[in-house]
Amino acid sequence: MRRSEAVLLVLFLATAIVYFVTRPSNQGVVPTPDQVAAAAASVEEAQPSASASGAPAFAARAPAQPSATPVPAYFSNAWLQAHPAEDVPAITAKGVLVADADSQELIYAKNLDGRRPPASIMKIVTAMVALDLAKPTQLISVSRDAANMEPNRMGLDAGEQLPMQDVLYGMLLDSGNDAAEALADALPGGRASFLQKMNSKATGLGLLNSHFVDPAGLDDDNYTTPYDMAVLAETALKGYPTIKQIVSTKEITIAGNAQHKWFNPTNLNDLLWSYPGDYGVKVGYTDAAGYTIVTAAEKGGRNVLIVLLGSERHFTESKALFDWAFAHLPAPDGSPVRRFQPNLETHSQAAP
């Protein structure tokens, strides 16, 4: 046998061995759409890699499935790569994002794509999905399961009926788990469909590192990242005026009537009282998540957005980061790039 023929024979045998050893046991089985979606959801946690300047590099963020709606651009790290953050306050939070909300430039980030439980800040997504499904005036009937939810609570009783906007106040100010479950139970499709829509909201925005298993944020199997949560918060603030109005409210009185009792939702975000210019957005806590917060503030016509996951002192650290951020914002060039201008709110907002 010639040498060339011997080489070809060895290559053929090696290829055959690799094929029979590694071939899947379920050849010929076409994966279902659910299996494809599950595979996309199980993408390994992406930690930001360091660039030459020390700034975090973005992980791939494309929708798991093609979407008919163009995915808007969010949060460039170009400025941060050119201007590494200096003199940043000491922060206990495991995940941090600080952004110039006007130019959408990051000015500081830590574990940008690190998955962590969000706790109640994910109620922002619950609110968006509720407003996608119904008008703020739609009556929400409180189910027994919702009324039996553990604190934090708005204080709903089974059988009460409230306009959805009042339930949103109780969910976003009191962080009422009863209010979140009431929305998921009462709106078209029920709880399972509602949760599916919450996850579709995230993937439709190109976010592959968030997953929600309950509407309130109590379950430790929920996860998100500083980047994903910032995108979701920006979506809510820029596309849902009802949410922006509610999260910036310190407290409100809901008068009782024949369908429900009196309520007095009071915002748990201490920064609304203690940091001038703050206008929301949401705070949270569980033992697994630690303290979490998404918050935004305006000073001198400039806006800063902050996300903290796994903090030990979320209010103190947010204040320190706001002070630092307003002193380190990119210099305005006269025409700031505003990449985020969607109108995502549905007809339900146009006709309250």
Foldseek 3Di string as FASTA:
>chain_A
DDPVVVVVVVVVVVVVVVCVVPPDPPPPDDDDPVVLVVVLLPPPQDFFDQDPQRDGDDDFQAFSDDDPDDQFDAEDAVVCSVPPDPPADDFPFQWKWKAFQAQRYTNDTHRQRGKFQAFQLLLLLLVQLLLVQAAQQDKFAQACVLQPDDDPAQNDDHGFIDRLLVLSLSCFASVHSSSSQSSQQGTPPHNVVSQVVSVVVLSVNRASRFHDDGNRRADRPTIGGFNSSVVSVCCCCQAPVSQLVSFQDQWDWDPDDPRGHITIGGHPQCCSVVPPFKRGHHWRDDPRWHIWGWTWGDDPRIIMIMTGIRGPCVNVSVNSNVVVCVVPPPDDPPDRNNRDRDNPRDVSHVPD
